[in-house]
Amino acid sequence: MNIRRVCATAGEYHEFIKLIQDIGGGILANVPDKKDWENPDIHDHLEHYLGGSEKFSTLDRLKMIHETMRHVCSRESAFHEVATMHAEAFMAAQKMMILAEYPFNQYEARAMAAAGITPWDKRFEK
């Protein structure tokens, strides 16, 4: 599937979300929460099974999973599903505005801050 084709219009937003859900898998609906993380009986199991590259800690990985879940598996995401279905604006026009306003190198920093992995940088506020 061609990602450029999928993101061509807002009406295809649903296909884009479907791809994220497919990549994220079941963890998006079943991600452990803060109580699980702080539970000494299962903490080591979470570290073991959700661990990965040393570039990010397991806690950072969980924070990003929670942030992704917010966008594809939540009440908020349901609103966006309905809004984009009826907006039908071309994603190309939306993309042009995003590119005109924000450099891509800040997107990663914003996503990390939104997930609580790094502190929010005041430069990103408008």
PDB file of N, CA and C in Angstrom:
ATOM      1  N   MET A   1       0.845  -1.183   0.000  1.00  0.00           N
ATOM      2  CA  MET A   1       0.000   0.000   0.000  1.00  0.00           C
ATOM      3  C   MET A   1       0.885   1.240   0.000  1.00  0.00           C
ATOM      4  N   ASN A   2       0.584   2.172  -0.856  1.00  0.00           N
ATOM      5  CA  ASN A   2       1.366   3.391  -0.994  1.00  0.00           C
ATOM      6  C   ASN A   2       0.874   4.439  -0.001  1.00  0.00           C
ATOM      7  N   ILE A   3       1.743   4.870   0.928  1.00  0.00           N
ATOM      8  CA  ILE A   3       1.351   5.819   1.966  1.00  0.00           C
ATOM      9  C   ILE A   3       0.937   7.152   1.368  1.00  0.00           C
ATOM     10  N   ARG A   4       1.571   7.570   0.268  1.00  0.00           N
ATOM     11  CA  ARG A   4       1.176   8.829  -0.377  1.00  0.00           C
ATOM     12  C   ARG A   4      -0.247   8.726  -0.892  1.00  0.00           C
ATOM     13  N   ARG A   5      -0.596   7.565  -1.415  1.00  0.00           N
ATOM     14  CA  ARG A   5      -1.959   7.354  -1.917  1.00  0.00           C
ATOM     15  C   ARG A   5      -2.958   7.383  -0.756  1.00  0.00           C
ATOM     16  N   VAL A   6      -2.605   6.753   0.351  1.00  0.00           N
ATOM     17  CA  VAL A   6      -3.503   6.674   1.499  1.00  0.00           C
ATOM     18  C   VAL A   6      -3.780   8.050   2.086  1.00  0.00           C
ATOM     19  N   CYS A   7      -2.775   8.931   2.091  1.00  0.00           N
ATOM     20  CA  CYS A   7      -2.915  10.238   2.728  1.00  0.00           C
ATOM     21  C   CYS A   7      -3.339  11.334   1.754  1.00  0.00           C
ATOM     22  N   ALA A   8      -3.832  10.973   0.605  1.00  0.00           N
ATOM     23  CA  ALA A   8      -4.146  11.962  -0.419  1.00  0.00           C
ATOM     24  C   ALA A   8      -5.297  12.880  -0.036  1.00  0.00           C
ATOM     25  N   THR A   9      -6.314  12.390   0.625  1.00  0.00           N
ATOM     26  CA  THR A   9      -7.445  13.225   1.023  1.00  0.00           C
ATOM     27  C   THR A   9      -7.814  12.952   2.464  1.00  0.00           C
ATOM     28  N   ALA A  10      -8.511  13.896   3.059  1.00  0.00           N
ATOM     29  CA  ALA A  10      -8.940  13.713   4.447  1.00  0.00           C
ATOM     30  C   ALA A  10      -9.879  12.526   4.563  1.00  0.00           C
ATOM     31  N   GLY A  11     -10.606  12.225   3.501  1.00  0.00           N
ATOM     32  CA  GLY A  11     -11.503  11.077   3.514  1.00  0.00           C
ATOM     33  C   GLY A  11     -10.765   9.763   3.688  1.00  0.00           C
ATOM     34  N   GLU A  12      -9.481   9.778   3.354  1.00  0.00           N
ATOM     35  CA  GLU A  12      -8.663   8.578   3.514  1.00  0.00           C
ATOM     36  C   GLU A  12      -7.898   8.570   4.841  1.00  0.00           C
ATOM     37  N   TYR A  13      -8.214   9.521   5.679  1.00  0.00           N
ATOM     38  CA  TYR A  13      -7.632   9.581   7.029  1.00  0.00           C
ATOM     39  C   TYR A  13      -7.830   8.256   7.739  1.00  0.00           C
ATOM     40  N   HIS A  14      -8.965   7.634   7.510  1.00  0.00           N
ATOM     41  CA  HIS A  14      -9.297   6.376   8.178  1.00  0.00           C
ATOM     42  C   HIS A  14      -8.314   5.269   7.790  1.00  0.00           C
ATOM     43  N   GLU A  15      -7.882   5.269   6.534  1.00  0.00           N
ATOM     44  CA  GLU A  15      -6.894   4.281   6.099  1.00  0.00           C
ATOM     45  C   GLU A  15      -5.557   4.524   6.794  1.00  0.00           C
ATOM     46  N   PHE A  16      -5.203   5.787   6.979  1.00  0.00           N
ATOM     47  CA  PHE A  16      -3.970   6.145   7.664  1.00  0.00           C
ATOM     48  C   PHE A  16      -4.028   5.662   9.117  1.00  0.00           C
ATOM     49  N   ILE A  17      -5.145   5.913   9.781  1.00  0.00           N
ATOM     50  CA  ILE A  17      -5.315   5.461  11.168  1.00  0.00           C
ATOM     51  C   ILE A  17      -5.260   3.940  11.229  1.00  0.00           C
ATOM     52  N   LYS A  18      -5.861   3.298  10.242  1.00  0.00           N
ATOM     53  CA  LYS A  18      -5.840   1.839  10.182  1.00  0.00           C
ATOM     54  C   LYS A  18      -4.402   1.315  10.100  1.00  0.00           C
ATOM     55  N   LEU A  19      -3.559   1.996   9.331  1.00  0.00           N
ATOM     56  CA  LEU A  19      -2.152   1.601   9.239  1.00  0.00           C
ATOM     57  C   LEU A  19      -1.451   1.740  10.593  1.00  0.00           C
ATOM     58  N   ILE A  20      -1.700   2.846  11.276  1.00  0.00           N
ATOM     59  CA  ILE A  20      -1.092   3.046  12.598  1.00  0.00           C
ATOM     60  C   ILE A  20      -1.561   1.959  13.555  1.00  0.00           C
ATOM     61  N   GLN A  21      -2.852   1.636  13.517  1.00  0.00           N
ATOM     62  CA  GLN A  21      -3.382   0.583  14.385  1.00  0.00           C
ATOM     63  C   GLN A  21      -2.762  -0.767  14.038  1.00  0.00           C
ATOM     64  N   ASP A  22      -2.558  -1.022  12.762  1.00  0.00           N
ATOM     65  CA  ASP A  22      -1.955  -2.279  12.330  1.00  0.00           C
ATOM     66  C   ASP A  22      -0.508  -2.370  12.801  1.00  0.00           C
ATOM     67  N   ILE A  23       0.238  -1.281  12.655  1.00  0.00           N
ATOM     68  CA  ILE A  23       1.632  -1.259  13.088  1.00  0.00           C
ATOM     69  C   ILE A  23       1.723  -1.369  14.613  1.00  0.00           C
ATOM     70  N   GLY A  24       0.863  -0.611  15.321  1.00  0.00           N
ATOM     71  CA  GLY A  24       0.885  -0.609  16.785  1.00  0.00           C
ATOM     72  C   GLY A  24       0.406  -1.916  17.395  1.00  0.00           C
ATOM     73  N   GLY A  25      -0.546  -2.548  16.739  1.00  0.00           N
ATOM     74  CA  GLY A  25      -1.057  -3.827  17.231  1.00  0.00           C
ATOM     75  C   GLY A  25      -1.905  -3.699  18.488  1.00  0.00           C
ATOM     76  N   GLY A  26      -2.106  -4.814  19.141  1.00  0.00           N
ATOM     77  CA  GLY A  26      -2.984  -4.912  20.301  1.00  0.00           C
ATOM     78  C   GLY A  26      -2.537  -4.104  21.503  1.00  0.00           C
ATOM     79  N   ILE A  27      -1.249  -3.765  21.567  1.00  0.00           N
ATOM     80  CA  ILE A  27      -0.758  -2.991  22.717  1.00  0.00           C
ATOM     81  C   ILE A  27      -1.461  -1.643  22.816  1.00  0.00           C
ATOM     82  N   LEU A  28      -1.951  -1.121  21.676  1.00  0.00           N
ATOM     83  CA  LEU A  28      -2.637   0.176  21.701  1.00  0.00           C
ATOM     84  C   LEU A  28      -3.930   0.111  22.505  1.00  0.00           C
ATOM     85  N   ALA A  29      -4.558  -1.026  22.560  1.00  0.00           N
ATOM     86  CA  ALA A  29      -5.801  -1.169  23.323  1.00  0.00           C
ATOM     87  C   ALA A  29      -5.560  -1.786  24.698  1.00  0.00           C
ATOM     88  N   ASN A  30      -4.390  -2.383  24.891  1.00  0.00           N
ATOM     89  CA  ASN A  30      -4.120  -3.111  26.136  1.00  0.00           C
ATOM     90  C   ASN A  30      -2.856  -2.649  26.844  1.00  0.00           C
ATOM     91  N   VAL A  31      -2.413  -1.440  26.572  1.00  0.00           N
ATOM     92  CA  VAL A  31      -1.166  -0.958  27.157  1.00  0.00           C
ATOM     93  C   VAL A  31      -1.282  -0.882  28.680  1.00  0.00           C
ATOM     94  N   PRO A  32      -0.245  -1.350  29.376  1.00  0.00           N
ATOM     95  CA  PRO A  32      -0.261  -1.238  30.840  1.00  0.00           C
ATOM     96  C   PRO A  32      -0.326   0.233  31.262  1.00  0.00           C
ATOM     97  N   ASP A  33      -0.965   0.480  32.389  1.00  0.00           N
ATOM     98  CA  ASP A  33      -1.072   1.854  32.875  1.00  0.00           C
ATOM     99  C   ASP A  33      -0.074   2.110  34.003  1.00  0.00           C
ATOM    100  N   LYS A  34      -0.191   3.288  34.602  1.00  0.00           N
ATOM    101  CA  LYS A  34       0.752   3.686  35.660  1.00  0.00           C
ATOM    102  C   LYS A  34       0.714   2.731  36.851  1.00  0.00           C
ATOM    103  N   LYS A  35      -0.471   2.261  37.214  1.00  0.00           N
ATOM    104  CA  LYS A  35      -0.584   1.309  38.338  1.00  0.00           C
ATOM    105  C   LYS A  35       0.166   0.018  38.024  1.00  0.00           C
ATOM    106  N   ASP A  36       0.055  -0.444  36.781  1.00  0.00           N
ATOM    107  CA  ASP A  36       0.784  -1.649  36.378  1.00  0.00           C
ATOM    108  C   ASP A  36       2.290  -1.411  36.466  1.00  0.00           C
ATOM    109  N   TRP A  37       2.725  -0.271  35.938  1.00  0.00           N
ATOM    110  CA  TRP A  37       4.155   0.059  35.922  1.00  0.00           C
ATOM    111  C   TRP A  37       4.725   0.111  37.333  1.00  0.00           C
ATOM    112  N   GLU A  38       3.940   0.655  38.271  1.00  0.00           N
ATOM    113  CA  GLU A  38       4.409   0.807  39.649  1.00  0.00           C
ATOM    114  C   GLU A  38       4.178  -0.434  40.507  1.00  0.00           C
ATOM    115  N   ASN A  39       3.530  -1.453  39.970  1.00  0.00           N
ATOM    116  CA  ASN A  39       3.263  -2.685  40.710  1.00  0.00           C
ATOM    117  C   ASN A  39       4.538  -3.534  40.752  1.00  0.00           C
ATOM    118  N   PRO A  40       5.116  -3.730  41.947  1.00  0.00           N
ATOM    119  CA  PRO A  40       6.380  -4.475  42.029  1.00  0.00           C
ATOM    120  C   PRO A  40       6.248  -5.935  41.576  1.00  0.00           C
ATOM    121  N   ASP A  41       5.036  -6.481  41.615  1.00  0.00           N
ATOM    122  CA  ASP A  41       4.846  -7.873  41.200  1.00  0.00           C
ATOM    123  C   ASP A  41       4.997  -8.072  39.694  1.00  0.00           C
ATOM    124  N   ILE A  42       4.732  -7.043  38.909  1.00  0.00           N
ATOM    125  CA  ILE A  42       4.806  -7.207  37.453  1.00  0.00           C
ATOM    126  C   ILE A  42       5.781  -6.248  36.769  1.00  0.00           C
ATOM    127  N   HIS A  43       6.349  -5.320  37.531  1.00  0.00           N
ATOM    128  CA  HIS A  43       7.242  -4.318  36.937  1.00  0.00           C
ATOM    129  C   HIS A  43       8.371  -4.955  36.121  1.00  0.00           C
ATOM    130  N   ASP A  44       9.042  -5.949  36.685  1.00  0.00           N
ATOM    131  CA  ASP A  44      10.158  -6.580  35.980  1.00  0.00           C
ATOM    132  C   ASP A  44       9.703  -7.270  34.696  1.00  0.00           C
ATOM    133  N   HIS A  45       8.478  -7.816  34.711  1.00  0.00           N
ATOM    134  CA  HIS A  45       7.937  -8.444  33.502  1.00  0.00           C
ATOM    135  C   HIS A  45       7.699  -7.387  32.420  1.00  0.00           C
ATOM    136  N   LEU A  46       7.190  -6.222  32.828  1.00  0.00           N
ATOM    137  CA  LEU A  46       6.982  -5.138  31.860  1.00  0.00           C
ATOM    138  C   LEU A  46       8.313  -4.690  31.272  1.00  0.00           C
ATOM    139  N   GLU A  47       9.315  -4.541  32.122  1.00  0.00           N
ATOM    140  CA  GLU A  47      10.652  -4.167  31.642  1.00  0.00           C
ATOM    141  C   GLU A  47      11.161  -5.187  30.627  1.00  0.00           C
ATOM    142  N   HIS A  48      10.956  -6.466  30.945  1.00  0.00           N
ATOM    143  CA  HIS A  48      11.465  -7.531  30.071  1.00  0.00           C
ATOM    144  C   HIS A  48      10.727  -7.576  28.730  1.00  0.00           C
ATOM    145  N   TYR A  49       9.399  -7.613  28.772  1.00  0.00           N
ATOM    146  CA  TYR A  49       8.619  -7.822  27.559  1.00  0.00           C
ATOM    147  C   TYR A  49       8.394  -6.547  26.726  1.00  0.00           C
ATOM    148  N   LEU A  50       8.495  -5.391  27.342  1.00  0.00           N
ATOM    149  CA  LEU A  50       8.301  -4.153  26.598  1.00  0.00           C
ATOM    150  C   LEU A  50       9.607  -3.396  26.378  1.00  0.00           C
ATOM    151  N   GLY A  51      10.692  -3.968  26.830  1.00  0.00           N
ATOM    152  CA  GLY A  51      12.000  -3.350  26.639  1.00  0.00           C
ATOM    153  C   GLY A  51      12.423  -3.422  25.181  1.00  0.00           C
ATOM    154  N   GLY A  52      13.497  -2.753  24.883  1.00  0.00           N
ATOM    155  CA  GLY A  52      14.002  -2.750  23.512  1.00  0.00           C
ATOM    156  C   GLY A  52      15.340  -2.061  23.461  1.00  0.00           C
ATOM    157  N   SER A  53      15.546  -1.299  22.432  1.00  0.00           N
ATOM    158  CA  SER A  53      16.778  -0.553  22.250  1.00  0.00           C
ATOM    159  C   SER A  53      17.046   0.320  23.477  1.00  0.00           C
ATOM    160  N   GLU A  54      18.311   0.466  23.791  1.00  0.00           N
ATOM    161  CA  GLU A  54      18.677   1.312  24.931  1.00  0.00           C
ATOM    162  C   GLU A  54      18.515   2.793  24.633  1.00  0.00           C
ATOM    163  N   LYS A  55      18.186   3.125  23.383  1.00  0.00           N
ATOM    164  CA  LYS A  55      17.991   4.527  23.010  1.00  0.00           C
ATOM    165  C   LYS A  55      16.839   5.140  23.804  1.00  0.00           C
ATOM    166  N   PHE A  56      15.806   4.321  24.084  1.00  0.00           N
ATOM    167  CA  PHE A  56      14.667   4.778  24.876  1.00  0.00           C
ATOM    168  C   PHE A  56      14.410   3.792  26.002  1.00  0.00           C
ATOM    169  N   SER A  57      14.063   4.317  27.154  1.00  0.00           N
ATOM    170  CA  SER A  57      13.742   3.438  28.277  1.00  0.00           C
ATOM    171  C   SER A  57      12.385   2.789  28.046  1.00  0.00           C
ATOM    172  N   THR A  58      12.111   1.749  28.800  1.00  0.00           N
ATOM    173  CA  THR A  58      10.808   1.092  28.697  1.00  0.00           C
ATOM    174  C   THR A  58       9.702   2.065  29.082  1.00  0.00           C
ATOM    175  N   LEU A  59       9.951   2.892  30.085  1.00  0.00           N
ATOM    176  CA  LEU A  59       8.953   3.881  30.487  1.00  0.00           C
ATOM    177  C   LEU A  59       8.691   4.866  29.344  1.00  0.00           C
ATOM    178  N   ASP A  60       9.735   5.325  28.672  1.00  0.00           N
ATOM    179  CA  ASP A  60       9.545   6.222  27.527  1.00  0.00           C
ATOM    180  C   ASP A  60       8.737   5.532  26.430  1.00  0.00           C
ATOM    181  N   ARG A  61       9.018   4.263  26.206  1.00  0.00           N
ATOM    182  CA  ARG A  61       8.286   3.494  25.200  1.00  0.00           C
ATOM    183  C   ARG A  61       6.799   3.417  25.579  1.00  0.00           C
ATOM    184  N   LEU A  62       6.520   3.167  26.852  1.00  0.00           N
ATOM    185  CA  LEU A  62       5.125   3.122  27.314  1.00  0.00           C
ATOM    186  C   LEU A  62       4.443   4.474  27.139  1.00  0.00           C
ATOM    187  N   LYS A  63       5.155   5.547  27.415  1.00  0.00           N
ATOM    188  CA  LYS A  63       4.582   6.883  27.244  1.00  0.00           C
ATOM    189  C   LYS A  63       4.213   7.133  25.784  1.00  0.00           C
ATOM    190  N   MET A  64       5.077   6.701  24.864  1.00  0.00           N
ATOM    191  CA  MET A  64       4.792   6.904  23.445  1.00  0.00           C
ATOM    192  C   MET A  64       3.623   6.017  23.003  1.00  0.00           C
ATOM    193  N   ILE A  65       3.531   4.822  23.536  1.00  0.00           N
ATOM    194  CA  ILE A  65       2.385   3.958  23.220  1.00  0.00           C
ATOM    195  C   ILE A  65       1.104   4.623  23.703  1.00  0.00           C
ATOM    196  N   HIS A  66       1.130   5.197  24.898  1.00  0.00           N
ATOM    197  CA  HIS A  66      -0.053   5.904  25.415  1.00  0.00           C
ATOM    198  C   HIS A  66      -0.413   7.098  24.529  1.00  0.00           C
ATOM    199  N   GLU A  67       0.596   7.829  24.059  1.00  0.00           N
ATOM    200  CA  GLU A  67       0.338   8.972  23.185  1.00  0.00           C
ATOM    201  C   GLU A  67      -0.254   8.502  21.855  1.00  0.00           C
ATOM    202  N   THR A  68       0.279   7.429  21.305  1.00  0.00           N
ATOM    203  CA  THR A  68      -0.264   6.874  20.059  1.00  0.00           C
ATOM    204  C   THR A  68      -1.689   6.403  20.276  1.00  0.00           C
ATOM    205  N   MET A  69      -1.940   5.739  21.396  1.00  0.00           N
ATOM    206  CA  MET A  69      -3.287   5.272  21.732  1.00  0.00           C
ATOM    207  C   MET A  69      -4.266   6.444  21.756  1.00  0.00           C
ATOM    208  N   ARG A  70      -3.839   7.569  22.303  1.00  0.00           N
ATOM    209  CA  ARG A  70      -4.706   8.749  22.357  1.00  0.00           C
ATOM    210  C   ARG A  70      -5.157   9.172  20.965  1.00  0.00           C
ATOM    211  N   HIS A  71      -4.303   8.980  19.971  1.00  0.00           N
ATOM    212  CA  HIS A  71      -4.607   9.413  18.610  1.00  0.00           C
ATOM    213  C   HIS A  71      -5.388   8.400  17.792  1.00  0.00           C
ATOM    214  N   VAL A  72      -5.345   7.119  18.175  1.00  0.00           N
ATOM    215  CA  VAL A  72      -6.006   6.104  17.336  1.00  0.00           C
ATOM    216  C   VAL A  72      -6.968   5.194  18.088  1.00  0.00           C
ATOM    217  N   CYS A  73      -7.078   5.357  19.398  1.00  0.00           N
ATOM    218  CA  CYS A  73      -7.888   4.412  20.176  1.00  0.00           C
ATOM    219  C   CYS A  73      -8.466   5.106  21.413  1.00  0.00           C
ATOM    220  N   SER A  74      -9.178   6.209  21.195  1.00  0.00           N
ATOM    221  CA  SER A  74      -9.706   6.974  22.320  1.00  0.00           C
ATOM    222  C   SER A  74     -10.962   7.734  21.899  1.00  0.00           C
ATOM    223  N   ARG A  75     -11.608   8.369  22.865  1.00  0.00           N
ATOM    224  CA  ARG A  75     -12.759   9.219  22.533  1.00  0.00           C
ATOM    225  C   ARG A  75     -12.334  10.354  21.615  1.00  0.00           C
ATOM    226  N   GLU A  76     -11.161  10.925  21.912  1.00  0.00           N
ATOM    227  CA  GLU A  76     -10.632  12.020  21.093  1.00  0.00           C
ATOM    228  C   GLU A  76     -10.426  11.564  19.648  1.00  0.00           C
ATOM    229  N   SER A  77      -9.869  10.377  19.480  1.00  0.00           N
ATOM    230  CA  SER A  77      -9.634   9.882  18.118  1.00  0.00           C
ATOM    231  C   SER A  77     -10.946   9.594  17.400  1.00  0.00           C
ATOM    232  N   ALA A  78     -11.955   9.170  18.136  1.00  0.00           N
ATOM    233  CA  ALA A  78     -13.269   8.941  17.525  1.00  0.00           C
ATOM    234  C   ALA A  78     -13.834  10.242  16.969  1.00  0.00           C
ATOM    235  N   PHE A  79     -13.641  11.342  17.692  1.00  0.00           N
ATOM    236  CA  PHE A  79     -14.079  12.649  17.202  1.00  0.00           C
ATOM    237  C   PHE A  79     -13.400  12.966  15.870  1.00  0.00           C
ATOM    238  N   HIS A  80     -12.083  12.752  15.806  1.00  0.00           N
ATOM    239  CA  HIS A  80     -11.346  13.041  14.582  1.00  0.00           C
ATOM    240  C   HIS A  80     -11.793  12.143  13.426  1.00  0.00           C
ATOM    241  N   GLU A  81     -12.136  10.908  13.739  1.00  0.00           N
ATOM    242  CA  GLU A  81     -12.631   9.997  12.698  1.00  0.00           C
ATOM    243  C   GLU A  81     -13.896  10.574  12.055  1.00  0.00           C
ATOM    244  N   VAL A  82     -14.815  11.057  12.879  1.00  0.00           N
ATOM    245  CA  VAL A  82     -16.068  11.605  12.357  1.00  0.00           C
ATOM    246  C   VAL A  82     -15.814  12.948  11.660  1.00  0.00           C
ATOM    247  N   ALA A  83     -15.012  13.799  12.275  1.00  0.00           N
ATOM    248  CA  ALA A  83     -14.755  15.124  11.704  1.00  0.00           C
ATOM    249  C   ALA A  83     -14.100  15.025  10.331  1.00  0.00           C
ATOM    250  N   THR A  84     -13.126  14.139  10.180  1.00  0.00           N
ATOM    251  CA  THR A  84     -12.463  14.029   8.884  1.00  0.00           C
ATOM    252  C   THR A  84     -13.364  13.387   7.839  1.00  0.00           C
ATOM    253  N   MET A  85     -14.257  12.535   8.263  1.00  0.00           N
ATOM    254  CA  MET A  85     -15.185  11.907   7.314  1.00  0.00           C
ATOM    255  C   MET A  85     -16.059  12.976   6.657  1.00  0.00           C
ATOM    256  N   HIS A  86     -16.422  13.997   7.413  1.00  0.00           N
ATOM    257  CA  HIS A  86     -17.341  14.997   6.897  1.00  0.00           C
ATOM    258  C   HIS A  86     -16.653  16.271   6.419  1.00  0.00           C
ATOM    259  N   ALA A  87     -15.383  16.448   6.754  1.00  0.00           N
ATOM    260  CA  ALA A  87     -14.668  17.644   6.304  1.00  0.00           C
ATOM    261  C   ALA A  87     -14.288  17.519   4.830  1.00  0.00           C
ATOM    262  N   GLU A  88     -13.754  16.370   4.453  1.00  0.00           N
ATOM    263  CA  GLU A  88     -13.377  16.061   3.075  1.00  0.00           C
ATOM    264  C   GLU A  88     -12.454  17.077   2.424  1.00  0.00           C
ATOM    265  N   ALA A  89     -11.701  17.806   3.193  1.00  0.00           N
ATOM    266  CA  ALA A  89     -10.707  18.717   2.603  1.00  0.00           C
ATOM    267  C   ALA A  89      -9.518  17.892   2.136  1.00  0.00           C
ATOM    268  N   PHE A  90      -8.816  18.387   1.149  1.00  0.00           N
ATOM    269  CA  PHE A  90      -7.664  17.658   0.644  1.00  0.00           C
ATOM    270  C   PHE A  90      -6.526  17.719   1.650  1.00  0.00           C
ATOM    271  N   MET A  91      -5.941  16.564   1.926  1.00  0.00           N
ATOM    272  CA  MET A  91      -4.808  16.492   2.838  1.00  0.00           C
ATOM    273  C   MET A  91      -3.612  17.260   2.273  1.00  0.00           C
ATOM    274  N   ALA A  92      -3.511  17.354   0.956  1.00  0.00           N
ATOM    275  CA  ALA A  92      -2.395  18.084   0.356  1.00  0.00           C
ATOM    276  C   ALA A  92      -2.405  19.541   0.809  1.00  0.00           C
ATOM    277  N   ALA A  93      -3.587  20.158   0.866  1.00  0.00           N
ATOM    278  CA  ALA A  93      -3.693  21.548   1.317  1.00  0.00           C
ATOM    279  C   ALA A  93      -3.337  21.646   2.793  1.00  0.00           C
ATOM    280  N   GLN A  94      -3.791  20.685   3.583  1.00  0.00           N
ATOM    281  CA  GLN A  94      -3.456  20.686   5.007  1.00  0.00           C
ATOM    282  C   GLN A  94      -1.953  20.496   5.194  1.00  0.00           C
ATOM    283  N   LYS A  95      -1.370  19.587   4.408  1.00  0.00           N
ATOM    284  CA  LYS A  95       0.062  19.331   4.499  1.00  0.00           C
ATOM    285  C   LYS A  95       0.863  20.580   4.132  1.00  0.00           C
ATOM    286  N   MET A  96       0.428  21.304   3.120  1.00  0.00           N
ATOM    287  CA  MET A  96       1.120  22.532   2.721  1.00  0.00           C
ATOM    288  C   MET A  96       1.128  23.544   3.864  1.00  0.00           C
ATOM    289  N   MET A  97       0.019  23.655   4.567  1.00  0.00           N
ATOM    290  CA  MET A  97      -0.039  24.593   5.690  1.00  0.00           C
ATOM    291  C   MET A  97       0.869  24.142   6.830  1.00  0.00           C
ATOM    292  N   ILE A  98       0.886  22.864   7.095  1.00  0.00           N
ATOM    293  CA  ILE A  98       1.762  22.345   8.152  1.00  0.00           C
ATOM    294  C   ILE A  98       3.217  22.599   7.794  1.00  0.00           C
ATOM    295  N   LEU A  99       3.581  22.292   6.567  1.00  0.00           N
ATOM    296  CA  LEU A  99       4.965  22.502   6.133  1.00  0.00           C
ATOM    297  C   LEU A  99       5.352  23.974   6.163  1.00  0.00           C
ATOM    298  N   ALA A 100       4.393  24.840   5.878  1.00  0.00           N
ATOM    299  CA  ALA A 100       4.671  26.277   5.875  1.00  0.00           C
ATOM    300  C   ALA A 100       4.869  26.812   7.286  1.00  0.00           C
ATOM    301  N   GLU A 101       4.218  26.198   8.263  1.00  0.00           N
ATOM    302  CA  GLU A 101       4.256  26.725   9.627  1.00  0.00           C
ATOM    303  C   GLU A 101       5.283  26.070  10.541  1.00  0.00           C
ATOM    304  N   TYR A 102       5.571  24.803  10.355  1.00  0.00           N
ATOM    305  CA  TYR A 102       6.441  24.086  11.288  1.00  0.00           C
ATOM    306  C   TYR A 102       7.512  23.288  10.565  1.00  0.00           C
ATOM    307  N   PRO A 103       8.756  23.389  11.007  1.00  0.00           N
ATOM    308  CA  PRO A 103       9.788  22.516  10.452  1.00  0.00           C
ATOM    309  C   PRO A 103       9.635  21.105  11.031  1.00  0.00           C
ATOM    310  N   PHE A 104       9.925  20.116  10.219  1.00  0.00           N
ATOM    311  CA  PHE A 104       9.747  18.730  10.647  1.00  0.00           C
ATOM    312  C   PHE A 104      10.604  18.356  11.844  1.00  0.00           C
ATOM    313  N   ASN A 105      11.765  18.959  12.001  1.00  0.00           N
ATOM    314  CA  ASN A 105      12.628  18.571  13.115  1.00  0.00           C
ATOM    315  C   ASN A 105      11.991  18.866  14.474  1.00  0.00           C
ATOM    316  N   GLN A 106      10.956  19.692  14.506  1.00  0.00           N
ATOM    317  CA  GLN A 106      10.281  19.973  15.770  1.00  0.00           C
ATOM    318  C   GLN A 106       9.175  18.956  16.064  1.00  0.00           C
ATOM    319  N   TYR A 107       8.712  18.233  15.032  1.00  0.00           N
ATOM    320  CA  TYR A 107       7.636  17.261  15.257  1.00  0.00           C
ATOM    321  C   TYR A 107       8.041  16.183  16.257  1.00  0.00           C
ATOM    322  N   GLU A 108       9.240  15.664  16.111  1.00  0.00           N
ATOM    323  CA  GLU A 108       9.692  14.615  17.019  1.00  0.00           C
ATOM    324  C   GLU A 108       9.749  15.149  18.448  1.00  0.00           C
ATOM    325  N   ALA A 109      10.279  16.361  18.605  1.00  0.00           N
ATOM    326  CA  ALA A 109      10.367  16.955  19.943  1.00  0.00           C
ATOM    327  C   ALA A 109       8.976  17.155  20.537  1.00  0.00           C
ATOM    328  N   ARG A 110       8.028  17.584  19.725  1.00  0.00           N
ATOM    329  CA  ARG A 110       6.650  17.774  20.197  1.00  0.00           C
ATOM    330  C   ARG A 110       6.022  16.448  20.605  1.00  0.00           C
ATOM    331  N   ALA A 111       6.230  15.413  19.795  1.00  0.00           N
ATOM    332  CA  ALA A 111       5.659  14.096  20.102  1.00  0.00           C
ATOM    333  C   ALA A 111       6.258  13.551  21.396  1.00  0.00           C
ATOM    334  N   MET A 112       7.562  13.715  21.561  1.00  0.00           N
ATOM    335  CA  MET A 112       8.230  13.240  22.777  1.00  0.00           C
ATOM    336  C   MET A 112       7.718  14.005  23.996  1.00  0.00           C
ATOM    337  N   ALA A 113       7.527  15.306  23.846  1.00  0.00           N
ATOM    338  CA  ALA A 113       7.023  16.106  24.960  1.00  0.00           C
ATOM    339  C   ALA A 113       5.569  15.748  25.263  1.00  0.00           C
ATOM    340  N   ALA A 114       4.756  15.550  24.233  1.00  0.00           N
ATOM    341  CA  ALA A 114       3.351  15.197  24.440  1.00  0.00           C
ATOM    342  C   ALA A 114       3.224  13.866  25.156  1.00  0.00           C
ATOM    343  N   ALA A 115       4.149  12.962  24.881  1.00  0.00           N
ATOM    344  CA  ALA A 115       4.130  11.656  25.536  1.00  0.00           C
ATOM    345  C   ALA A 115       4.748  11.711  26.930  1.00  0.00           C
ATOM    346  N   GLY A 116       5.341  12.858  27.300  1.00  0.00           N
ATOM    347  CA  GLY A 116       5.939  12.997  28.626  1.00  0.00           C
ATOM    348  C   GLY A 116       7.346  12.430  28.716  1.00  0.00           C
ATOM    349  N   ILE A 117       7.982  12.195  27.571  1.00  0.00           N
ATOM    350  CA  ILE A 117       9.329  11.636  27.564  1.00  0.00           C
ATOM    351  C   ILE A 117      10.359  12.733  27.806  1.00  0.00           C
ATOM    352  N   THR A 118      10.131  13.895  27.232  1.00  0.00           N
ATOM    353  CA  THR A 118      11.022  15.036  27.425  1.00  0.00           C
ATOM    354  C   THR A 118      10.186  16.230  27.854  1.00  0.00           C
ATOM    355  N   PRO A 119      10.779  17.213  28.506  1.00  0.00           N
ATOM    356  CA  PRO A 119      10.015  18.391  28.914  1.00  0.00           C
ATOM    357  C   PRO A 119       9.569  19.217  27.715  1.00  0.00           C
ATOM    358  N   TRP A 120       8.476  19.923  27.880  1.00  0.00           N
ATOM    359  CA  TRP A 120       7.929  20.774  26.827  1.00  0.00           C
ATOM    360  C   TRP A 120       8.848  21.964  26.635  1.00  0.00           C
ATOM    361  N   ASP A 121       9.203  22.253  25.411  1.00  0.00           N
ATOM    362  CA  ASP A 121      10.073  23.368  25.078  1.00  0.00           C
ATOM    363  C   ASP A 121       9.201  24.591  24.803  1.00  0.00           C
ATOM    364  N   LYS A 122       9.384  25.655  25.530  1.00  0.00           N
ATOM    365  CA  LYS A 122       8.578  26.877  25.399  1.00  0.00           C
ATOM    366  C   LYS A 122       8.645  27.462  23.995  1.00  0.00           C
ATOM    367  N   ARG A 123       9.703  27.150  23.224  1.00  0.00           N
ATOM    368  CA  ARG A 123       9.819  27.667  21.850  1.00  0.00           C
ATOM    369  C   ARG A 123       8.692  27.154  20.969  1.00  0.00           C
ATOM    370  N   PHE A 124       8.059  26.043  21.341  1.00  0.00           N
ATOM    371  CA  PHE A 124       7.022  25.456  20.507  1.00  0.00           C
ATOM    372  C   PHE A 124       5.667  26.116  20.718  1.00  0.00           C
ATOM    373  N   GLU A 125       5.533  26.903  21.747  1.00  0.00           N
ATOM    374  CA  GLU A 125       4.251  27.546  22.009  1.00  0.00           C
ATOM    375  C   GLU A 125       4.066  28.739  21.080  1.00  0.00           C
ATOM    376  N   LYS A 126       2.837  28.970  20.709  1.00  0.00           N
ATOM    377  CA  LYS A 126       2.539  30.124  19.833  1.00  0.00           C
ATOM    378  C   LYS A 126       1.846  31.184  20.619  1.00  0.00           C
TER     379      LYS A 126
END
